[in-house]
Structure formats: structure tokens, C-alpha cells
Protein backbone atom coordinates (compact mmCIF):
# COMPACT_ATOMS: atom_id res chain seq x y z
CA UNK A 1 0.82 4.78 -16.67
CA UNK A 2 1.86 5.37 -13.04
CA UNK A 3 -1.30 3.86 -11.62
CA UNK A 4 -1.50 3.56 -7.83
CA UNK A 5 -1.25 -0.13 -6.95
CA UNK A 6 -3.73 -0.25 -4.04
CA UNK A 7 -6.14 2.50 -5.07
CA UNK A 8 -9.39 1.11 -6.47
CA UNK A 9 -12.19 3.06 -8.14
CA UNK A 10 -14.31 2.41 -5.04
CA UNK A 11 -11.61 3.79 -2.71
CA UNK A 12 -11.17 6.90 -4.86
CA UNK A 13 -14.94 7.52 -4.90
CA UNK A 14 -15.26 7.01 -1.13
CA UNK A 15 -12.41 9.31 -0.09
CA UNK A 16 -13.47 11.93 -2.63
CA UNK A 17 -17.09 11.83 -1.43
CA UNK A 18 -15.92 12.27 2.16
CA UNK A 19 -13.88 15.32 1.17
CA UNK A 20 -10.47 13.82 1.91
CA UNK A 21 -9.33 13.79 -1.72
CA UNK A 22 -9.82 16.10 -4.68
CA UNK A 23 -8.10 16.61 -8.02
CA UNK A 24 -5.65 19.28 -6.81
CA UNK A 25 -2.02 18.55 -7.63
CA UNK A 26 1.09 20.03 -6.05
CA UNK A 27 2.01 21.81 -9.29
CA UNK A 28 -1.47 23.42 -9.25
CA UNK A 29 -0.71 24.79 -5.78
CA UNK A 30 2.57 26.35 -6.97
CA UNK A 31 0.78 27.90 -9.95
CA UNK A 32 -1.81 29.41 -7.62
CA UNK A 33 0.85 30.85 -5.29
CA UNK A 34 2.66 32.35 -8.29
CA UNK A 35 -0.57 34.16 -9.18
CA UNK A 36 -1.66 35.37 -5.75
CA UNK A 37 1.74 35.83 -4.01
CA UNK A 38 4.37 36.17 -6.78
CA UNK A 39 6.80 38.19 -4.66
CA UNK A 40 6.50 36.15 -1.46
CA UNK A 41 9.76 34.29 -0.74
CA UNK A 42 9.13 30.58 -1.23
CA UNK A 43 12.51 28.86 -0.91
CA UNK A 44 16.00 29.59 0.36
CA UNK A 45 19.23 27.63 0.61
CA UNK A 46 22.84 28.80 1.00
CA UNK A 47 23.13 29.98 -2.63
CA UNK A 48 19.59 30.53 -3.95
CA UNK A 49 16.55 32.50 -2.87
CA UNK A 50 13.36 32.36 -4.94
CA UNK A 51 9.92 33.97 -4.75
CA UNK A 52 6.83 31.95 -5.60
CA UNK A 53 6.75 33.60 -9.03
CA UNK A 54 10.40 32.75 -9.73
CA UNK A 55 10.00 29.22 -8.37
CA UNK A 56 7.04 28.51 -10.63
CA UNK A 57 9.09 29.69 -13.62
CA UNK A 58 11.81 27.20 -12.60
CA UNK A 59 9.19 24.46 -12.40
CA UNK A 60 7.83 25.19 -15.88
CA UNK A 61 11.26 25.40 -17.45
CA UNK A 62 12.45 22.19 -15.82
CA UNK A 63 9.30 20.36 -16.92
CA UNK A 64 9.52 21.65 -20.49
CA UNK A 65 13.29 21.17 -20.61
CA UNK A 66 13.05 17.52 -19.57
CA UNK A 67 10.47 16.87 -22.28
CA UNK A 68 12.63 18.76 -24.77
CA UNK A 69 15.53 16.46 -23.90
CA UNK A 70 13.40 13.47 -24.81
CA UNK A 71 12.15 12.16 -21.48
CA UNK A 72 8.79 10.41 -21.90
CA UNK A 73 5.72 10.08 -19.68
CA UNK A 74 6.41 7.88 -16.63
CA UNK A 75 10.18 7.86 -17.21
CA UNK A 76 11.84 7.83 -13.80
CA UNK A 77 14.34 10.47 -12.73
CA UNK A 78 16.53 9.75 -9.69
CA UNK A 79 17.57 12.89 -7.81
CA UNK A 80 20.63 12.72 -5.57
CA UNK A 81 21.05 16.23 -4.21
CA UNK A 82 21.59 17.75 -0.78
CA UNK A 83 18.76 19.75 0.77
CA UNK A 84 18.33 22.54 -1.75
CA UNK A 85 15.96 24.65 -3.80
CA UNK A 86 16.59 22.36 -6.78
CA UNK A 87 15.70 19.22 -4.81
CA UNK A 88 12.39 20.81 -3.84
CA UNK A 89 11.37 22.03 -7.29
CA UNK A 90 12.46 18.96 -9.24
CA UNK A 91 9.71 16.99 -7.53
CA UNK A 92 7.11 19.49 -8.69
CA UNK A 93 8.54 19.75 -12.21
CA UNK A 94 8.40 15.97 -12.63
CA UNK A 95 4.77 15.91 -11.54
CA UNK A 96 3.99 18.64 -14.06
CA UNK A 97 5.77 16.85 -16.90
CA UNK A 98 4.23 13.44 -16.11
CA UNK A 99 7.56 12.00 -14.99
CA UNK A 100 8.40 9.95 -11.90
CA UNK A 101 10.78 11.47 -9.36
CA UNK A 102 12.81 9.41 -6.89
CA UNK A 103 14.88 11.52 -4.45
CA UNK A 104 17.65 9.52 -2.76
CA UNK A 105 20.01 10.21 0.11
CA UNK A 106 23.07 12.24 -0.84
CA UNK A 107 25.27 9.86 1.19
CA UNK A 108 24.57 6.78 -0.97
CA UNK A 109 27.48 5.58 -3.08
CA UNK A 110 28.26 3.21 -5.99
CA UNK A 111 26.69 0.02 -4.65
CA UNK A 112 23.42 1.56 -3.45
CA UNK A 113 23.07 3.98 -6.37
CA UNK A 114 23.72 1.25 -8.95
CA UNK A 115 21.06 -0.91 -7.29
CA UNK A 116 18.50 1.90 -7.31
CA UNK A 117 19.14 2.88 -10.93
CA UNK A 118 19.06 -0.72 -12.12
CA UNK A 119 16.01 -1.96 -10.18
CA UNK A 120 13.85 1.08 -10.98
CA UNK A 121 14.96 1.24 -14.63
CA UNK A 122 15.72 4.93 -14.20
CA UNK A 123 15.97 6.96 -17.40
CA UNK A 124 17.95 9.76 -15.78
CA UNK A 125 19.67 11.09 -12.68
CA UNK A 126 20.29 14.57 -11.27
CA UNK A 127 23.47 15.07 -9.23
CA UNK A 128 25.84 17.79 -8.06
CA UNK A 129 29.25 17.74 -9.72
CA UNK A 130 30.86 17.39 -6.31
CA UNK A 131 29.59 17.62 -2.75
CA UNK A 132 31.80 17.59 0.34
CA UNK A 133 34.73 16.03 -1.45
CA UNK A 134 32.85 13.30 -3.30
CA UNK A 135 32.90 13.27 -7.13
CA UNK A 136 29.32 12.37 -8.14
CA UNK A 137 30.08 12.72 -11.84
CA UNK A 138 32.83 10.12 -11.68
CA UNK A 139 30.49 7.75 -9.86
CA UNK A 140 27.96 7.99 -12.71
CA UNK A 141 30.73 7.53 -15.30
CA UNK A 142 31.73 4.35 -13.47
CA UNK A 143 28.15 3.04 -13.36
CA UNK A 144 26.72 4.12 -16.71
CA UNK A 145 28.24 1.34 -18.91
CA UNK A 146 26.30 -1.26 -16.92
CA UNK A 147 23.03 0.71 -17.01
CA UNK A 148 21.83 0.89 -20.64
CA UNK A 149 18.48 2.41 -19.62
CA UNK A 150 20.18 5.40 -17.95
CA UNK A 151 20.13 7.87 -20.85
CA UNK A 152 20.32 11.24 -19.10
CA UNK A 153 22.69 12.59 -16.46
CA UNK A 154 21.96 16.15 -15.30
CA UNK A 155 24.34 18.17 -13.12
CA UNK A 156 23.52 21.20 -10.96
CA UNK A 157 25.74 24.24 -10.53
CA UNK A 158 28.46 25.75 -12.69
CA UNK A 159 31.32 24.17 -14.69
CA UNK A 160 29.33 21.11 -15.74
CA UNK A 161 31.53 18.51 -17.50
CA UNK A 162 30.85 18.22 -21.27
CA UNK A 163 29.57 14.64 -20.98
CA UNK A 164 26.74 15.76 -18.67
CA UNK A 165 23.67 17.99 -19.15
CA UNK A 166 23.62 21.29 -17.26
CA UNK A 167 20.48 21.73 -15.15
CA UNK A 168 21.24 25.47 -14.93
CA UNK A 169 21.11 25.73 -18.74
CA UNK A 170 17.67 24.13 -18.72
CA UNK A 171 16.44 26.55 -16.04
CA UNK A 172 17.87 29.58 -17.86
CA UNK A 173 16.36 28.69 -21.24
CA UNK A 174 12.95 30.35 -21.91
CA UNK A 175 11.23 27.17 -23.09
CA UNK A 176 7.86 28.80 -22.42
CA UNK A 177 8.32 30.93 -25.53
CA UNK A 178 8.35 27.79 -27.68
CA UNK A 179 5.23 26.09 -26.30
CA UNK A 180 1.57 27.09 -25.85
CA UNK A 181 0.69 28.35 -22.36
CA UNK A 182 -1.42 25.27 -21.61
CA UNK A 183 1.02 22.73 -23.09
CA UNK A 184 1.84 21.06 -19.76
CA UNK A 185 -1.78 20.75 -18.65
CA UNK A 186 -2.26 17.44 -20.43
CA UNK A 187 1.09 16.15 -19.16
CA UNK A 188 0.40 16.59 -15.42
CA UNK A 189 0.18 13.54 -13.20
CA UNK A 190 -3.44 13.03 -12.00
CA UNK A 191 -3.86 13.45 -8.23
CA UNK A 192 -4.84 9.82 -7.63
CA UNK A 193 -1.81 8.52 -9.53
CA UNK A 194 1.77 9.05 -8.41
CA UNK A 195 4.77 11.02 -9.57
CA UNK A 196 6.74 10.90 -6.32
CA UNK A 197 8.55 7.67 -5.46
CA UNK A 198 10.31 7.46 -2.08
CA UNK A 199 12.83 4.94 -0.85
CA UNK A 200 13.00 3.29 2.55
CA UNK A 201 16.15 3.57 4.63
CA UNK A 202 17.09 -0.01 3.89
CA UNK A 203 18.18 -1.03 7.41
CA UNK A 204 17.12 -4.60 6.63
CA UNK A 205 18.92 -4.71 3.27
CA UNK A 206 18.55 -2.74 0.05
CA UNK A 207 15.76 -0.15 0.03
CA UNK A 208 12.22 -0.64 -1.19
CA UNK A 209 10.49 1.96 -3.34
CA UNK A 210 7.19 3.49 -2.36
CA UNK A 211 4.40 5.16 -4.35
CA UNK A 212 3.21 8.48 -2.92
CA UNK A 213 0.11 9.73 -4.80
CA UNK A 214 -0.35 13.46 -4.37
CA UNK A 215 -3.95 13.13 -3.11
CA UNK A 216 -2.71 11.35 0.02
CA UNK A 217 0.07 13.89 0.65
CA UNK A 218 -2.38 16.77 0.25
CA UNK A 219 -4.90 15.12 2.59
CA UNK A 220 -2.27 14.83 5.32
CA UNK A 221 -0.98 18.37 4.81
CA UNK A 222 -4.50 19.85 5.08
CA UNK A 223 -5.06 18.12 8.43
CA UNK A 224 -1.70 19.28 9.80
CA UNK A 225 -2.32 22.85 8.63
CA UNK A 226 -5.63 22.88 10.50
CA UNK A 227 -4.35 21.15 13.66
CA UNK A 228 -1.24 23.32 14.08
CA UNK A 229 -2.52 26.64 12.74
CA UNK A 230 0.07 26.88 9.96
CA UNK A 231 -0.05 30.02 7.81
CA UNK A 232 1.91 32.02 5.23
CA UNK A 233 3.74 33.72 8.11
CA UNK A 234 5.51 30.45 8.98
CA UNK A 235 9.03 29.56 7.93
CA UNK A 236 9.93 25.86 7.74
CA UNK A 237 13.53 24.94 8.44
CA UNK A 238 14.41 21.56 6.87
CA UNK A 239 17.40 20.62 9.01
CA UNK A 240 17.40 16.86 8.43
CA UNK A 241 17.83 14.88 5.19
CA UNK A 242 14.93 16.00 3.00
CA UNK A 243 15.38 13.28 0.38
CA UNK A 244 13.99 10.57 2.67
CA UNK A 245 10.23 10.28 2.29
CA UNK A 246 7.85 13.00 1.22
CA UNK A 247 8.68 15.46 4.06
CA UNK A 248 5.04 16.33 4.06
CA UNK A 249 4.87 19.75 5.65
CA UNK A 250 7.97 21.21 4.02
CA UNK A 251 7.08 20.02 0.52
CA UNK A 252 3.28 20.04 0.56
CA UNK A 253 2.06 22.08 3.53
CA UNK A 254 4.28 25.13 2.99
CA UNK A 255 3.18 25.97 -0.58
CA UNK A 256 -0.45 25.22 0.29
CA UNK A 257 -0.45 28.22 2.67
CA UNK A 258 2.29 30.25 0.96
CA UNK A 259 4.88 29.78 3.71
CA UNK A 260 8.65 29.85 3.20
CA UNK A 261 11.00 26.86 3.31
CA UNK A 262 14.68 27.23 4.27
CA UNK A 263 16.92 24.25 3.54
CA UNK A 264 20.16 23.24 5.26
CA UNK A 265 22.36 21.40 2.75
CA UNK A 266 24.32 19.36 5.30
CA UNK A 267 23.59 19.29 8.99
CA UNK A 268 26.13 20.78 11.35
CA UNK A 269 24.84 22.16 14.67
CA UNK A 270 26.32 25.62 14.17
CA UNK A 271 24.95 25.88 10.62
CA UNK A 272 21.51 24.83 11.89
CA UNK A 273 21.57 27.55 14.56
CA UNK A 274 22.64 30.12 11.97
CA UNK A 275 19.87 29.14 9.56
CA UNK A 276 17.23 29.35 12.29
CA UNK A 277 18.48 32.78 13.35
CA UNK A 278 18.93 34.15 9.81
CA UNK A 279 15.63 32.93 8.37
CA UNK A 280 13.60 33.35 11.58
CA UNK A 281 12.44 29.73 11.34
CA UNK A 282 9.12 29.06 13.08
CA UNK A 283 8.84 25.30 12.41
CA UNK A 284 12.12 23.38 12.64
CA UNK A 285 11.82 19.95 10.98
CA UNK A 286 14.24 17.66 12.80
CA UNK A 287 14.98 14.14 13.96
CA UNK A 288 15.89 13.39 17.61
CA UNK A 289 19.57 12.96 16.72
CA UNK A 290 19.69 16.52 15.39
CA UNK A 291 18.25 17.90 18.63
CA UNK A 292 20.81 15.93 20.65
CA UNK A 293 23.67 17.31 18.56
CA UNK A 294 22.36 20.87 18.89
CA UNK A 295 22.15 20.53 22.66
CA UNK A 296 25.70 19.17 22.70
CA UNK A 297 27.04 22.26 20.92
CA UNK A 298 29.04 24.36 23.42
CA UNK A 299 27.85 27.72 22.00
CA UNK A 300 24.13 26.99 21.70
CA UNK A 301 23.36 30.02 23.85
CA UNK A 302 25.02 32.36 21.34
CA UNK A 303 22.15 31.96 18.86
CA UNK A 304 18.62 33.36 18.84
CA UNK A 305 16.07 30.58 18.34
CA UNK A 306 13.17 32.53 19.81
CA UNK A 307 11.32 32.45 16.47
CA UNK A 308 10.77 28.66 16.70
CA UNK A 309 7.29 27.71 17.87
CA UNK A 310 7.44 24.02 16.89
CA UNK A 311 10.25 21.47 16.77
CA UNK A 312 8.70 18.96 14.37
CA UNK A 313 10.39 15.71 15.33
CA UNK A 314 10.09 12.45 13.38
CA UNK A 315 12.20 9.44 12.48
CA UNK A 316 12.65 7.79 15.89
CA UNK A 317 11.71 8.04 19.56
CA UNK A 318 12.47 11.25 21.42
CA UNK A 319 14.99 11.36 24.24
CA UNK A 320 12.88 12.93 27.02
CA UNK A 321 15.82 14.60 28.74
CA UNK A 322 17.15 16.18 25.54
CA UNK A 323 13.66 17.20 24.44
CA UNK A 324 13.20 18.91 27.79
CA UNK A 325 16.51 20.72 27.33
CA UNK A 326 15.46 21.93 23.87
CA UNK A 327 12.26 23.51 25.16
CA UNK A 328 13.90 25.02 28.24
CA UNK A 329 16.98 26.39 26.48
CA UNK A 330 15.79 27.21 22.97
CA UNK A 331 12.05 27.70 23.41
CA UNK A 332 9.24 26.38 21.23
CA UNK A 333 7.21 23.22 21.68
CA UNK A 334 8.18 19.76 20.51
CA UNK A 335 5.71 17.93 18.29
CA UNK A 336 6.39 14.19 18.23
CA UNK A 337 5.40 12.54 14.95
CA UNK A 338 5.08 8.81 14.27
CA UNK A 339 5.05 7.74 10.64
CA UNK A 340 6.94 5.73 8.06
CA UNK A 341 7.96 6.19 4.43
CA UNK A 342 6.03 3.07 3.43
CA UNK A 343 2.99 3.95 5.56
CA UNK A 344 2.20 7.56 4.67
CA UNK A 345 -0.19 8.28 7.54
CA UNK A 346 0.73 10.00 10.79
CA UNK A 347 0.10 9.96 14.49
CA UNK A 348 1.25 13.12 16.24
CA UNK A 349 1.01 14.99 19.52
CA UNK A 350 -1.43 17.92 19.64
CA UNK A 351 0.17 21.37 20.05
CA UNK A 352 -1.65 22.05 23.33
CA UNK A 353 -0.73 18.72 24.95
CA UNK A 354 1.31 18.62 28.15
CA UNK A 355 5.08 18.23 28.00
CA UNK A 356 4.79 14.65 29.24
CA UNK A 357 2.35 13.72 26.47
CA UNK A 358 4.41 15.45 23.77
CA UNK A 359 7.68 13.83 24.84
CA UNK A 360 6.61 10.36 25.92
CA UNK A 361 3.80 9.52 23.48
CA UNK A 362 3.07 9.68 19.75
CA UNK A 363 -0.20 11.46 20.50
CA UNK A 364 -3.23 10.62 18.41
CA UNK A 365 -3.86 9.87 14.72
CA UNK A 366 -4.75 12.86 12.57
CA UNK A 367 -8.52 12.68 12.20
CA UNK A 368 -9.54 12.58 8.56
CA UNK A 369 -6.19 11.25 7.36
CA UNK A 370 -5.15 8.30 9.53
CA UNK A 371 -6.65 5.52 11.64
CA UNK A 372 -4.58 3.50 14.13
CA UNK A 373 -5.27 0.15 15.80
CA UNK A 374 -3.21 -2.27 17.90
CA UNK A 375 -3.26 -5.94 17.00
CA UNK A 376 -2.22 -8.80 19.27
CA UNK A 377 -0.46 -12.00 18.23
CA UNK A 378 -3.87 -13.69 18.09
CA UNK A 379 -5.00 -11.30 15.35
CA UNK A 380 -7.48 -9.51 17.61
CA UNK A 381 -7.48 -5.82 18.46
CA UNK A 382 -5.83 -5.11 21.79
CA UNK A 383 -7.92 -3.34 24.41
CA UNK A 384 -7.05 -1.59 27.65
CA UNK A 385 -3.34 -0.98 28.21
CA UNK A 386 -2.18 -4.15 26.45
CA UNK A 387 0.70 -4.08 23.98
CA UNK A 388 0.05 -4.79 20.30
CA UNK A 389 1.50 -4.21 16.85
CA UNK A 390 0.65 -0.77 15.48
CA UNK A 391 -1.37 -0.84 12.27
CA UNK A 392 -2.70 2.10 10.29
CA UNK A 393 -4.83 3.02 7.31
CA UNK A 394 -6.59 6.04 5.82
CA UNK A 395 -6.61 8.55 2.95
CA UNK A 396 -3.06 9.76 3.73
CA UNK A 397 -1.59 6.30 3.23
CA UNK A 398 0.65 5.34 0.33
CA UNK A 399 -0.64 3.26 -2.56
CA UNK A 400 1.95 0.49 -2.54
CA UNK A 401 5.47 -0.51 -3.42
CA UNK A 402 6.66 0.66 -6.82
CA UNK A 403 6.76 -2.15 -9.40
CA UNK A 404 6.25 -4.71 -6.62
CA UNK A 405 2.60 -5.74 -6.17
CA UNK A 406 3.66 -8.87 -4.30
CA UNK A 407 5.36 -6.81 -1.57
CA UNK A 408 2.39 -4.44 -1.54
CA UNK A 409 -0.20 -7.13 -0.82
CA UNK A 410 2.11 -8.81 1.67
CA UNK A 411 2.29 -5.61 3.72
CA UNK A 412 -1.29 -4.34 3.36
CA UNK A 413 -4.50 -6.15 4.26
CA UNK A 414 -7.41 -6.22 1.82
CA UNK A 415 -9.28 -3.68 3.94
CA UNK A 416 -6.34 -1.27 3.89
CA UNK A 417 -4.40 -1.85 7.13
CA UNK A 418 -0.60 -1.58 7.14
CA UNK A 419 1.59 -3.18 9.82
CA UNK A 420 4.19 -0.62 10.88
CA UNK A 421 6.41 -3.05 12.76
CA UNK A 422 6.20 -0.96 15.93
CA UNK A 423 4.68 -2.15 19.19
CA UNK A 424 2.49 0.20 21.18
CA UNK A 425 -0.18 0.65 23.80
CA UNK A 426 -2.85 3.25 24.54
CA UNK A 427 -2.45 5.23 27.77
CA UNK A 428 -5.33 6.30 29.98
CA UNK A 429 -5.80 9.55 28.01
CA UNK A 430 -5.98 7.80 24.65
CA UNK A 431 -2.50 8.68 23.44
CA UNK A 432 -0.35 6.13 21.65
CA UNK A 433 2.79 5.03 23.51
CA UNK A 434 5.39 3.34 21.29
CA UNK A 435 7.26 0.69 23.25
CA UNK A 436 9.67 -0.29 20.46
CA UNK A 437 10.11 -2.08 17.17
CA UNK A 438 8.61 -5.56 17.07
CA UNK A 439 11.86 -6.91 15.63
CA UNK A 440 13.82 -5.16 18.42
CA UNK A 441 11.85 -6.82 21.21
CA UNK A 442 14.13 -9.02 23.32
CA UNK A 443 12.73 -12.34 24.56
CA UNK A 444 14.80 -13.34 27.57
CA UNK A 445 13.81 -16.63 29.12
CA UNK A 446 10.33 -16.33 27.63
CA UNK A 447 9.78 -12.79 28.99
CA UNK A 448 9.43 -9.78 26.70
CA UNK A 449 11.73 -6.78 27.08
CA UNK A 450 10.86 -3.60 25.16
CA UNK A 451 14.15 -1.72 24.61
CA UNK A 452 12.53 1.71 24.27
CA UNK A 453 11.25 1.46 27.85
CA UNK A 454 14.74 0.76 29.22
CA UNK A 455 16.44 3.34 26.99
CA UNK A 456 14.09 6.06 28.21
CA UNK A 457 14.91 5.25 31.84
CA UNK A 458 18.67 5.02 31.21
CA UNK A 459 18.62 8.48 29.64
CA UNK A 460 17.60 9.96 32.99
CA UNK A 461 21.08 9.04 34.31
CA UNK A 462 23.13 12.28 34.56
CA UNK A 463 26.18 10.69 32.93
CA UNK A 464 24.36 9.26 29.88
CA UNK A 465 23.93 11.18 26.63
CA UNK A 466 22.60 8.45 24.32
CA UNK A 467 21.53 4.83 24.82
CA UNK A 468 20.36 1.88 22.77
CA UNK A 469 19.57 -1.66 23.89
CA UNK A 470 19.62 -4.77 21.71
CA UNK A 471 19.40 -8.53 22.24
CA UNK A 472 22.13 -11.03 21.53
CA UNK A 473 21.91 -14.85 21.34
CA UNK A 474 22.29 -16.99 24.45
CA UNK A 475 22.07 -20.79 24.59
CA UNK A 476 20.32 -20.84 27.98
CA UNK A 477 18.05 -17.76 27.98
CA UNK A 478 17.49 -17.50 24.22
CA UNK A 479 18.51 -13.86 24.31
CA UNK A 480 20.20 -11.50 26.73
CA UNK A 481 20.19 -7.71 26.73
CA UNK A 482 23.16 -5.50 25.90
CA UNK A 483 23.06 -1.75 26.49
CA UNK A 484 25.13 0.59 24.30
CA UNK A 485 25.81 3.96 25.92
CA UNK A 486 27.38 7.23 24.80
CA UNK A 487 28.48 9.05 27.99
CA UNK A 488 28.19 12.79 28.36
CA UNK A 489 31.46 14.66 27.63
CA UNK A 490 34.03 14.07 30.38
CA UNK A 491 32.00 11.34 32.07
CA UNK A 492 32.49 7.60 32.50
CA UNK A 493 29.82 5.11 33.48
CA UNK A 494 29.78 1.38 34.25
CA UNK A 495 27.17 -1.36 34.27
CA UNK A 496 26.84 -1.30 38.03
CA UNK A 497 25.79 2.36 37.96
CA UNK A 498 23.30 1.74 35.15
CA UNK A 499 21.71 -1.22 36.95
CA UNK A 500 21.47 0.78 40.18
CA UNK A 501 19.73 3.58 38.28
CA UNK A 502 17.22 1.19 36.72
CA UNK A 503 16.54 -0.59 40.00
CA UNK A 504 15.84 2.82 41.49
CA UNK A 505 13.10 3.23 38.88
CA UNK A 506 11.44 0.04 40.12
CA UNK A 507 11.61 -2.05 36.96
CA UNK A 508 11.47 -5.84 36.94
CA UNK A 509 14.87 -7.52 37.30
CA UNK A 510 14.49 -9.56 34.08
CA UNK A 511 14.61 -6.27 32.11
CA UNK A 512 18.05 -5.25 33.42
CA UNK A 513 20.88 -5.20 30.85
CA UNK A 514 23.53 -7.85 31.43
CA UNK A 515 26.20 -6.29 29.28
CA UNK A 516 27.36 -2.71 28.70
CA UNK A 517 29.26 -1.35 25.69
CA UNK A 518 30.59 2.23 25.63
CA UNK A 519 30.69 4.04 22.27
CA UNK A 520 31.77 7.55 21.22
CA UNK A 521 28.56 7.77 19.15
CA UNK A 522 25.73 5.50 18.06
CA UNK A 523 25.64 4.33 14.42
CA UNK A 524 22.84 5.87 12.39
CA UNK A 525 20.75 4.64 9.49
CA UNK A 526 19.89 7.33 6.93
CA UNK A 527 21.39 9.98 9.23
CA UNK A 528 18.34 9.91 11.48
CA UNK A 529 17.75 6.76 13.54
CA UNK A 530 19.93 4.34 15.48
CA UNK A 531 21.08 1.42 13.35
CA UNK A 532 20.31 -1.43 15.75
CA UNK A 533 21.05 -4.01 13.09
CA UNK A 534 24.72 -3.01 13.11
CA UNK A 535 24.77 -2.96 16.92
CA UNK A 536 23.41 -6.51 17.06
CA UNK A 537 25.90 -7.62 14.43
CA UNK A 538 28.79 -6.16 16.43
CA UNK A 539 27.90 -8.49 19.32
CA UNK A 540 27.97 -11.56 17.08
CA UNK A 541 31.09 -10.84 15.02
């Protein structure tokens, strides 16, 4: 049974009594939409467009087809697909069939995929035959002899090789004619258990796997729907990699209100603009890197983005200057979201907050889903404007690490607090300001430097497009600070200019970078946040 590691009977009773949790599952929501809005468009990618009625038929056929193939309750299915209709509905079908679903990044290759399949004991995998020149089928052929538990390999699209199972054939087969109408009811994953397993980005090594019970995802989606006034008239544009984490509003919030979700298979700025214009996207789900690349595109003004009312930004800190450009040039309001795959809760900026609050803070925790506190090195809660480690808990939080209770109890306190690894402080208005990752903090001569503070100031320099600061070892000072910069097109910049800019902002001299490295682009982890581990390593090698 896929029991939630951290969830106790007492916790379930408490959150249910308070109205945060109920027994509604995601597959129940899709069934309801198929009944009340069968013709409403639910999902669209570059090749497929489905109404809620059609989508629910896909879900049923996938669920029944997997069971027909021989998959058993709590068997785990890894899904390595680009953003697509199939990626969305496979999650729901697995929940309905009592299977576990683990979506993984489409960019992972032999080493990472073999690790994931082996460690999780996956019974099956879903892949495209080929995507952007990479042969996924050959990768699985290479790996399968060493993975005796991997019994099923499903392939999307046409011309499926004979040694693989066609997902299209499963979808096109009327399995519902063979089974009673209520056959899947007893198979469904209970709301306080989990069907969805997510993986972390693995910037500190191989990824960890995270349980995401549906009750927590639904609790978070309900609060976001209420806070941001989301309705069936909205269109979500999933522009970033949708396999990472639960992508709460696109996967849970949209069907709860009957909204549409449009998926971009692979991000390219021009394709993102076209999708927004074609689908009339109202909520663009992005990461800061995506916004930077869109603003860098020379023909941004050729596209109509006037439909966008929110740019839903998560994954890393926002570049204030680029965020300002997005609102001024494309319209809409940026919502800054702080969360983590292995946290589950959220802190986000309110829609009516000022531009400064929305672009320089993480706002406030979503009442009824998430609590946030700051803890000092002495284990006491930080008061005033002091800096502390950000910890969170609440009904939206995940239930633990999959098949790893030791890691679960190492990361979560007995009373439910999770250490996010970020450092933050509360500003005068009660908004959370993230000052950087605890592991990224540079200690130079006994004095703490928070890279996010310096990066934000450097990005005000007219010649700087992107910036990241990391520490490197020094025998005398312990650490020194190196700044990596991507100049704006056609510009050059040197350390002297950067230091002059920072001094003009009135910062303490010990925070000034002592080394500058120029790069054509910053390395990214999971296509969404700067990979500071690789930057630090480049200074040591």
C-alpha cells in the first residue's frame, strides 16, 4: 500500500476536521468536469486538443489498459515525456488505477534514468520513440537487461517499435465495454495516500523521490483558486518543464475550476509567444530564466500577450529588472512563488501587492495551507528583521521521501516543520524576503555574505543581463566571493565597473566580489535555476 510516511491518523483527523482535507481525488474532479462540462476544452499541445469529456475517456482507457497489461496496485510507472496532453493525463490514470506515477525530466539520459528505474523498482516506463534527435527507445533497450523489474515499456505516438507497447493502441481500445462502469472505483488511490511521486532536481547528487498525497495538492490548489480568483475562463500556459514537481495549478487547480491547460513541449521563446497568442493564455507558468529569454528575444513586440493577467513564477529568485520589463512590455502581473518539490507548501505574493513586493519578496504563506517560520542557528525563532532558515509546515506539505523513512525523519521535525535550506527575513510589512540558499552563503573572514542580495544589485547595472555569485576557498579569509556575469548583447563589463556600481548602492565593502568571470550563459539545473554547484566546481578545477 502507498501509505503516506508522515501522515498519522491524528493528522488526518485534524486537517479533515478543519476543512483542509477531504476524500476528493484528482480523478474524481476529472469525472465531474466530464459530466458538467463535457465539451469544454481541457488540454492542448502541438498535436492534440481534448475536451473534458474526451480527456476523461483517455483517463479511463489508460487506467483499464494498464491493468489489462498486468500492472498491479502500487506498481510504479516512470513517465519521461515532454510537456504534453499524455503527460498530464497519465498522472490521473495512474491515480485511478491505484498505480504510482513518477514523471521525470525529458532531458535525463542513461545514467540518471537507470538510477531512477533501479532505485524505485519501477515496473514500467512511458517514453516517446524519439524527441529532438534523441532515441528514447534505444536507451531503454540498453538499460533493460540490467533492470529485471522493468517489465513494461510504453511508447507514445505512431510507428511504435514491435518490442514496445503502443500507448495510442491502449487509448484507442474501448476497454470500458469489457468492464463494469464502477470497476475502477475500488482501484482508486485514497486521497490521504499517494499516487504521484516527484523527483528533486538533484543538484547535490542523484535525485530524491517525494510522496505527494492528493489531499495536500488539492488543499493548496483550493487556496490559490480563492486568492487569485481563478475560474473556468482562465487558460494556463505551462511554458517550463512540467515533469518537475506537481505543478500544482496546472495539474490540480485547472480541472478543479474547469479551466484549460496549454502545454509547450520544449521551450523556445518564439514558440512560447506563439502559444500565448494562439491559446489566449491568462496564467503563464514560468521560471525566471524563461522570462529572461523571452525578454531577450528580438521580436518580442511582434506577439500579442495582452491576454496574460498573471506570470506565475517559481523555481528561483526573480531578476527585478527583467520582471519589470515583462510587466511593462508584455502586460500582466508577476506572482512570485516560493516552494520546493520536497516541501509541498507555498509562500506567494498577493495579486494586489505593489510591484516592489511582488518582485523583491516571496509574499506571505497561503493561509490554510502553509505556515512559515524563521529559525536561527540557536534553534530559536528569529524576530524582527533578523535572518533565519526558512521552515514550513501545513496541510499542503508532502508526506515524506518515497521508500526512505530515514531521510524523511531527518528532514522533518516531529511537529511537522521542514527546513527548506533557504535563508530569509521578514520585512516591515510582514512579507518574506529570501536572502539566499543557506549552503550558498559565503563566509568571508567570519562575515556572512548573502549572494542573492549582491546579485539583485548587480542586475541593476545596464550592461548586465544575468549574474550569480558563489564562494571559493581561500587560506586566509576562508572564502572569497566570485561573481559570474552574462553581459547584455554587445556589451562588455569588468570588475572595476561592477564594484563601482555596488559601492554606489552603499553596501559594506566586505560584500564586494573579488573576482569576475564572464560567461555566455549561466548553467542551469533542471532547466530552471542556476546550477551554483557547477559554478563553484569550475573555480576549484
